[in-house]
C-alpha atoms as a PDB file:
ATOM      1  CA  MET A   1     131.333 252.544  92.749  1.00  0.00           C
ATOM      2  CA  LEU A   2     128.008 250.722  92.389  1.00  0.00           C
ATOM      3  CA  VAL A   3     127.168 248.844  89.196  1.00  0.00           C
ATOM      4  CA  ASP A   4     123.604 247.519  89.044  1.00  0.00           C
ATOM      5  CA  ASP A   5     120.823 248.026  86.521  1.00  0.00           C
ATOM      6  CA  HIS A   6     118.181 248.359  89.267  1.00  0.00           C
ATOM      7  CA  SER A   7     118.041 251.903  90.601  1.00  0.00           C
ATOM      8  CA  ILE A   8     116.217 250.778  93.746  1.00  0.00           C
ATOM      9  CA  VAL A   9     119.062 248.392  94.572  1.00  0.00           C
ATOM     10  CA  ARG A  10     121.597 251.176  94.098  1.00  0.00           C
ATOM     11  CA  MET A  11     119.531 253.536  96.255  1.00  0.00           C
ATOM     12  CA  GLY A  12     119.387 250.924  98.980  1.00  0.00           C
ATOM     13  CA  LEU A  13     123.135 250.389  98.835  1.00  0.00           C
ATOM     14  CA  VAL A  14     123.801 254.133  98.976  1.00  0.00           C
ATOM     15  CA  THR A  15     121.591 254.406 102.061  1.00  0.00           C
ATOM     16  CA  LEU A  16     123.195 251.377 103.654  1.00  0.00           C
ATOM     17  CA  LEU A  17     126.785 252.421 102.983  1.00  0.00           C
ATOM     18  CA  SER A  18     126.223 256.062 103.948  1.00  0.00           C
ATOM     19  CA  SER A  19     125.730 254.892 107.516  1.00  0.00           C
ATOM     20  CA  GLU A  20     129.371 253.805 107.564  1.00  0.00           C
ATOM     21  CA  GLN A  21     131.603 256.792 108.340  1.00  0.00           C
ATOM     22  CA  ASP A  22     134.536 255.563 106.265  1.00  0.00           C
ATOM     23  CA  LEU A  23     132.578 254.558 103.147  1.00  0.00           C
ATOM     24  CA  LEU A  24     131.410 256.857 100.358  1.00  0.00           C
ATOM     25  CA  VAL A  25     129.715 256.069  97.037  1.00  0.00           C
ATOM     26  CA  VAL A  26     131.547 258.093  94.371  1.00  0.00           C
ATOM     27  CA  ALA A  27     129.876 256.753  91.221  1.00  0.00           C
ATOM     28  CA  GLU A  28     126.901 254.702  90.018  1.00  0.00           C
ATOM     29  CA  ALA A  29     126.432 252.853  86.725  1.00  0.00           C
ATOM     30  CA  ASP A  30     123.397 250.975  85.418  1.00  0.00           C
ATOM     31  CA  ASP A  31     125.110 248.972  82.667  1.00  0.00           C
ATOM     32  CA  GLY A  32     128.506 247.552  81.773  1.00  0.00           C
ATOM     33  CA  MET A  33     129.581 250.107  79.212  1.00  0.00           C
ATOM     34  CA  GLN A  34     128.825 252.987  81.555  1.00  0.00           C
ATOM     35  CA  ALA A  35     130.642 251.166  84.374  1.00  0.00           C
ATOM     36  CA  VAL A  36     133.856 250.832  82.357  1.00  0.00           C
ATOM     37  CA  LYS A  37     133.748 254.524  81.459  1.00  0.00           C
ATOM     38  CA  LEU A  38     132.923 255.724  84.984  1.00  0.00           C
ATOM     39  CA  HIS A  39     135.547 253.525  86.582  1.00  0.00           C
ATOM     40  CA  ALA A  40     138.244 255.176  84.483  1.00  0.00           C
ATOM     41  CA  GLU A  41     136.955 258.617  85.501  1.00  0.00           C
ATOM     42  CA  ALA A  42     136.117 258.113  89.177  1.00  0.00           C
ATOM     43  CA  ARG A  43     138.895 255.639  90.047  1.00  0.00           C
ATOM     44  CA  PRO A  44     136.956 254.109  92.959  1.00  0.00           C
ATOM     45  CA  ASP A  45     138.840 252.186  95.622  1.00  0.00           C
ATOM     46  CA  VAL A  46     136.324 249.328  95.461  1.00  0.00           C
ATOM     47  CA  THR A  47     133.562 248.479  92.989  1.00  0.00           C
ATOM     48  CA  LEU A  48     130.399 246.488  93.755  1.00  0.00           C
ATOM     49  CA  LEU A  49     129.339 244.761  90.531  1.00  0.00           C
ATOM     50  CA  ASP A  50     126.192 242.820  89.649  1.00  0.00           C
ATOM     51  CA  LEU A  51     126.461 240.000  87.095  1.00  0.00           C
ATOM     52  CA  ARG A  52     123.011 240.212  85.537  1.00  0.00           C
ATOM     53  CA  MET A  53     122.743 243.377  83.468  1.00  0.00           C
ATOM     54  CA  PRO A  54     121.084 244.300  80.177  1.00  0.00           C
ATOM     55  CA  GLY A  55     122.884 245.819  77.250  1.00  0.00           C
ATOM     56  CA  GLY A  56     125.941 244.834  75.300  1.00  0.00           C
ATOM     57  CA  ILE A  57     128.082 243.371  78.064  1.00  0.00           C
ATOM     58  CA  ASP A  58     127.280 241.406  81.209  1.00  0.00           C
ATOM     59  CA  GLY A  59     128.964 241.599  84.599  1.00  0.00           C
ATOM     60  CA  ILE A  60     131.762 239.159  83.763  1.00  0.00           C
ATOM     61  CA  GLU A  61     132.738 241.065  80.627  1.00  0.00           C
ATOM     62  CA  THR A  62     132.480 244.355  82.535  1.00  0.00           C
ATOM     63  CA  LEU A  63     134.824 242.944  85.168  1.00  0.00           C
ATOM     64  CA  LYS A  64     137.344 241.901  82.526  1.00  0.00           C
ATOM     65  CA  ARG A  65     137.272 245.294  80.792  1.00  0.00           C
ATOM     66  CA  VAL A  66     137.629 247.216  84.042  1.00  0.00           C
ATOM     67  CA  ARG A  67     140.570 245.044  85.035  1.00  0.00           C
ATOM     68  CA  GLU A  68     142.170 245.433  81.611  1.00  0.00           C
ATOM     69  CA  GLN A  69     142.143 249.219  81.801  1.00  0.00           C
ATOM     70  CA  SER A  70     142.914 249.276  85.539  1.00  0.00           C
ATOM     71  CA  PRO A  71     144.806 246.125  86.617  1.00  0.00           C
ATOM     72  CA  GLU A  72     144.788 247.356  90.206  1.00  0.00           C
ATOM     73  CA  ALA A  73     140.974 247.615  90.272  1.00  0.00           C
ATOM     74  CA  LYS A  74     139.357 245.947  93.286  1.00  0.00           C
ATOM     75  CA  VAL A  75     135.974 244.479  92.418  1.00  0.00           C
ATOM     76  CA  ILE A  76     133.447 242.614  94.553  1.00  0.00           C
ATOM     77  CA  VAL A  77     130.728 240.777  92.668  1.00  0.00           C
ATOM     78  CA  LEU A  78     127.429 241.409  94.483  1.00  0.00           C
ATOM     79  CA  THR A  79     124.716 239.329  92.877  1.00  0.00           C
ATOM     80  CA  THR A  80     121.834 236.902  93.327  1.00  0.00           C
ATOM     81  CA  SER A  81     123.598 234.126  91.414  1.00  0.00           C
ATOM     82  CA  GLU A  82     125.382 231.385  93.295  1.00  0.00           C
ATOM     83  CA  PHE A  83     126.040 229.143  90.300  1.00  0.00           C
ATOM     84  CA  ASP A  84     129.516 227.614  90.568  1.00  0.00           C
ATOM     85  CA  GLU A  85     130.267 228.651  87.007  1.00  0.00           C
ATOM     86  CA  ASP A  86     129.519 232.312  87.797  1.00  0.00           C
ATOM     87  CA  VAL A  87     131.712 232.198  90.902  1.00  0.00           C
ATOM     88  CA  LEU A  88     134.540 230.576  88.947  1.00  0.00           C
ATOM     89  CA  ARG A  89     134.322 233.017  86.034  1.00  0.00           C
ATOM     90  CA  SER A  90     134.232 235.961  88.426  1.00  0.00           C
ATOM     91  CA  VAL A  91     137.309 234.847  90.333  1.00  0.00           C
ATOM     92  CA  GLU A  92     139.149 234.009  87.111  1.00  0.00           C
ATOM     93  CA  GLY A  93     138.141 237.434  85.779  1.00  0.00           C
ATOM     94  CA  GLY A  94     139.906 239.103  88.686  1.00  0.00           C
ATOM     95  CA  ALA A  95     137.148 239.663  91.246  1.00  0.00           C
ATOM     96  CA  ALA A  96     138.470 240.064  94.774  1.00  0.00           C
ATOM     97  CA  GLY A  97     135.203 238.917  96.287  1.00  0.00           C
ATOM     98  CA  TYR A  98     131.841 237.321  95.588  1.00  0.00           C
ATOM     99  CA  LEU A  99     128.822 238.060  97.775  1.00  0.00           C
ATOM    100  CA  SER A 100     125.106 237.333  97.654  1.00  0.00           C
ATOM    101  CA  LYS A 101     122.735 240.296  97.727  1.00  0.00           C
ATOM    102  CA  ASN A 102     121.223 238.977 100.943  1.00  0.00           C
ATOM    103  CA  VAL A 103     124.496 239.762 102.760  1.00  0.00           C
ATOM    104  CA  SER A 104     124.116 241.780 105.956  1.00  0.00           C
ATOM    105  CA  ARG A 105     125.174 245.420 106.163  1.00  0.00           C
ATOM    106  CA  ALA A 106     127.949 244.583 108.614  1.00  0.00           C
ATOM    107  CA  ASP A 107     129.326 241.776 106.439  1.00  0.00           C
ATOM    108  CA  LEU A 108     129.172 243.904 103.289  1.00  0.00           C
ATOM    109  CA  ALA A 109     130.993 246.801 104.957  1.00  0.00           C
ATOM    110  CA  ALA A 110     133.579 244.404 106.366  1.00  0.00           C
ATOM    111  CA  ALA A 111     134.088 242.847 102.926  1.00  0.00           C
ATOM    112  CA  ILE A 112     134.608 246.256 101.321  1.00  0.00           C
ATOM    113  CA  ARG A 113     137.213 247.176 103.932  1.00  0.00           C
ATOM    114  CA  GLN A 114     138.910 243.803 103.576  1.00  0.00           C
ATOM    115  CA  VAL A 115     139.177 244.097  99.792  1.00  0.00           C
ATOM    116  CA  HIS A 116     140.278 247.735 100.058  1.00  0.00           C
ATOM    117  CA  GLY A 117     143.089 246.543 102.297  1.00  0.00           C
ATOM    118  CA  GLY A 118     144.292 244.080  99.690  1.00  0.00           C
ATOM    119  CA  GLY A 119     142.399 241.025 100.884  1.00  0.00           C
ATOM    120  CA  SER A 120     139.607 238.994  99.367  1.00  0.00           C
ATOM    121  CA  CYS A 121     136.140 237.949 100.475  1.00  0.00           C
ATOM    122  CA  LEU A 122     134.648 234.650  99.448  1.00  0.00           C
ATOM    123  CA  PRO A 123     132.127 233.042 101.832  1.00  0.00           C
ATOM    124  CA  ALA A 124     133.410 229.768 103.287  1.00  0.00           C
ATOM    125  CA  ARG A 125     130.690 227.745 101.558  1.00  0.00           C
ATOM    126  CA  LEU A 126     131.558 229.164  98.144  1.00  0.00           C
ATOM    127  CA  ALA A 127     135.281 228.844  98.833  1.00  0.00           C
ATOM    128  CA  GLN A 128     134.807 225.154  99.563  1.00  0.00           C
ATOM    129  CA  ARG A 129     132.864 224.660  96.354  1.00  0.00           C
ATOM    130  CA  MET A 130     135.602 226.486  94.447  1.00  0.00           C
ATOM    131  CA  ASP A 131     138.204 224.129  95.905  1.00  0.00           C
ATOM    132  CA  GLU A 132     136.143 221.133  94.858  1.00  0.00           C
ATOM    133  CA  TRP A 133     135.698 222.632  91.405  1.00  0.00           C
ATOM    134  CA  ALA A 134     139.428 223.262  91.034  1.00  0.00           C
ATOM    135  CA  GLN A 135     140.107 219.603  91.688  1.00  0.00           C
ATOM    136  CA  ARG A 136     138.278 218.685  88.521  1.00  0.00           C
ATOM    137  CA  ARG A 137     139.189 219.820  85.037  1.00  0.00           C
ATOM    138  CA  GLN A 138     136.836 222.121  83.227  1.00  0.00           C
ATOM    139  CA  LEU A 139     134.754 220.842  80.342  1.00  0.00           C
ATOM    140  CA  THR A 140     135.893 221.637  76.820  1.00  0.00           C
ATOM    141  CA  GLY A 141     133.709 223.526  74.385  1.00  0.00           C
ATOM    142  CA  ARG A 142     132.753 220.285  72.630  1.00  0.00           C
ATOM    143  CA  GLU A 143     131.921 218.615  75.943  1.00  0.00           C
ATOM    144  CA  LEU A 144     129.646 221.533  76.846  1.00  0.00           C
ATOM    145  CA  GLU A 145     127.844 221.001  73.536  1.00  0.00           C
ATOM    146  CA  VAL A 146     127.438 217.299  74.297  1.00  0.00           C
ATOM    147  CA  LEU A 147     126.274 218.141  77.823  1.00  0.00           C
ATOM    148  CA  GLU A 148     123.532 220.355  76.410  1.00  0.00           C
ATOM    149  CA  PHE A 149     122.286 217.465  74.247  1.00  0.00           C
ATOM    150  CA  MET A 150     122.458 215.196  77.312  1.00  0.00           C
ATOM    151  CA  ARG A 151     120.246 217.707  79.096  1.00  0.00           C
ATOM    152  CA  ARG A 152     117.723 217.328  76.281  1.00  0.00           C
ATOM    153  CA  GLY A 153     117.773 213.549  76.708  1.00  0.00           C
ATOM    154  CA  LEU A 154     119.447 212.647  73.404  1.00  0.00           C
ATOM    155  CA  SER A 155     121.123 209.263  73.012  1.00  0.00           C
ATOM    156  CA  ASN A 156     124.775 208.906  72.023  1.00  0.00           C
ATOM    157  CA  ARG A 157     123.666 208.084  68.489  1.00  0.00           C
ATOM    158  CA  ASP A 158     121.477 211.202  68.259  1.00  0.00           C
ATOM    159  CA  ILE A 159     124.233 213.356  69.756  1.00  0.00           C
ATOM    160  CA  GLY A 160     126.611 212.010  67.151  1.00  0.00           C
ATOM    161  CA  ARG A 161     124.204 212.859  64.359  1.00  0.00           C
ATOM    162  CA  ALA A 162     123.576 216.348  65.717  1.00  0.00           C
ATOM    163  CA  LEU A 163     127.295 217.116  65.962  1.00  0.00           C
ATOM    164  CA  GLU A 164     128.241 215.132  62.853  1.00  0.00           C
ATOM    165  CA  ILE A 165     130.551 212.835  64.792  1.00  0.00           C
ATOM    166  CA  SER A 166     130.467 209.062  65.260  1.00  0.00           C
ATOM    167  CA  GLU A 167     128.403 207.418  67.982  1.00  0.00           C
ATOM    168  CA  HIS A 168     131.668 206.094  69.424  1.00  0.00           C
ATOM    169  CA  THR A 169     133.106 209.621  69.675  1.00  0.00           C
ATOM    170  CA  ALA A 170     129.900 210.908  71.241  1.00  0.00           C
ATOM    171  CA  LYS A 171     130.074 208.110  73.831  1.00  0.00           C
ATOM    172  CA  ALA A 172     133.703 209.026  74.571  1.00  0.00           C
ATOM    173  CA  HIS A 173     132.663 212.640  75.215  1.00  0.00           C
ATOM    174  CA  VAL A 174     129.866 211.494  77.537  1.00  0.00           C
ATOM    175  CA  CYS A 175     132.296 209.302  79.487  1.00  0.00           C
ATOM    176  CA  ALA A 176     134.730 212.213  79.790  1.00  0.00           C
ATOM    177  CA  ILE A 177     131.932 214.464  81.077  1.00  0.00           C
ATOM    178  CA  LEU A 178     130.898 211.914  83.694  1.00  0.00           C
ATOM    179  CA  GLY A 179     134.494 211.633  84.884  1.00  0.00           C
ATOM    180  CA  LYS A 180     135.099 215.383  85.073  1.00  0.00           C
ATOM    181  CA  LEU A 181     131.853 216.010  86.936  1.00  0.00           C
ATOM    182  CA  GLY A 182     132.304 213.028  89.220  1.00  0.00           C
ATOM    183  CA  ALA A 183     128.905 211.696  88.120  1.00  0.00           C
ATOM    184  CA  ALA A 184     127.810 208.058  88.149  1.00  0.00           C
ATOM    185  CA  ASP A 185     125.416 208.404  85.218  1.00  0.00           C
ATOM    186  CA  ARG A 186     123.977 210.861  82.693  1.00  0.00           C
ATOM    187  CA  ALA A 187     121.129 212.003  84.968  1.00  0.00           C
ATOM    188  CA  GLU A 188     123.524 212.831  87.793  1.00  0.00           C
ATOM    189  CA  ALA A 189     125.815 214.640  85.365  1.00  0.00           C
ATOM    190  CA  VAL A 190     122.936 216.841  84.193  1.00  0.00           C
ATOM    191  CA  ASN A 191     121.894 217.562  87.787  1.00  0.00           C
ATOM    192  CA  ILE A 192     125.454 218.577  88.688  1.00  0.00           C
ATOM    193  CA  ALA A 193     125.626 220.716  85.559  1.00  0.00           C
ATOM    194  CA  PHE A 194     122.451 222.555  86.634  1.00  0.00           C
ATOM    195  CA  GLU A 195     123.856 223.119  90.123  1.00  0.00           C
ATOM    196  CA  ARG A 196     127.038 224.601  88.695  1.00  0.00           C
ATOM    197  CA  GLY A 197     125.322 226.724  86.076  1.00  0.00           C
ATOM    198  CA  LEU A 198     126.910 224.841  83.168  1.00  0.00           C
ATOM    199  CA  VAL A 199     123.455 224.406  81.660  1.00  0.00           C
ATOM    200  CA  ARG A 200     120.324 226.430  82.233  1.00  0.00           C
ATOM    201  CA  ALA A 201     116.670 225.433  82.128  1.00  0.00           C
END
């Protein structure tokens, strides 16, 4: 099953996959809600899912709902995003693979077969980044709030005022963020956060 809000992308995938004798597109969805419904009806062996979709639910939430109703569902995220946070959330959500849309036909077909056979497909570069990510604890909700204010260039005092906490507590959160991200200073922490998709421009 193909899940992507761009019809041209789906058409291209249908054309590409139809050239493989053992692959057949059985369903197409252009948003998350439709994908959840169609997955229950079509019961595809493998689903290719984009993360960026309009409507009520995005790709990550779609993945979670599909997996909730069909725990055995095999889903490969096929997207343009390579933010660490998106990769992490996808894998935690139950995705069996994560591929960029610039993947070759041969690699995509091989990934589908690999996942269908019970395996997983995560490019070596992304797998390495996931390992590095796993070695560090994730930021708490409060730390993500502080990180957003750091991105805006606020001082510890201003962060404290914005969150109605003491300057000392704000400084403690900043220190914790630097440690978890392995950053030497606030600027490096913000740069790392951008690279991982923890904050957006």
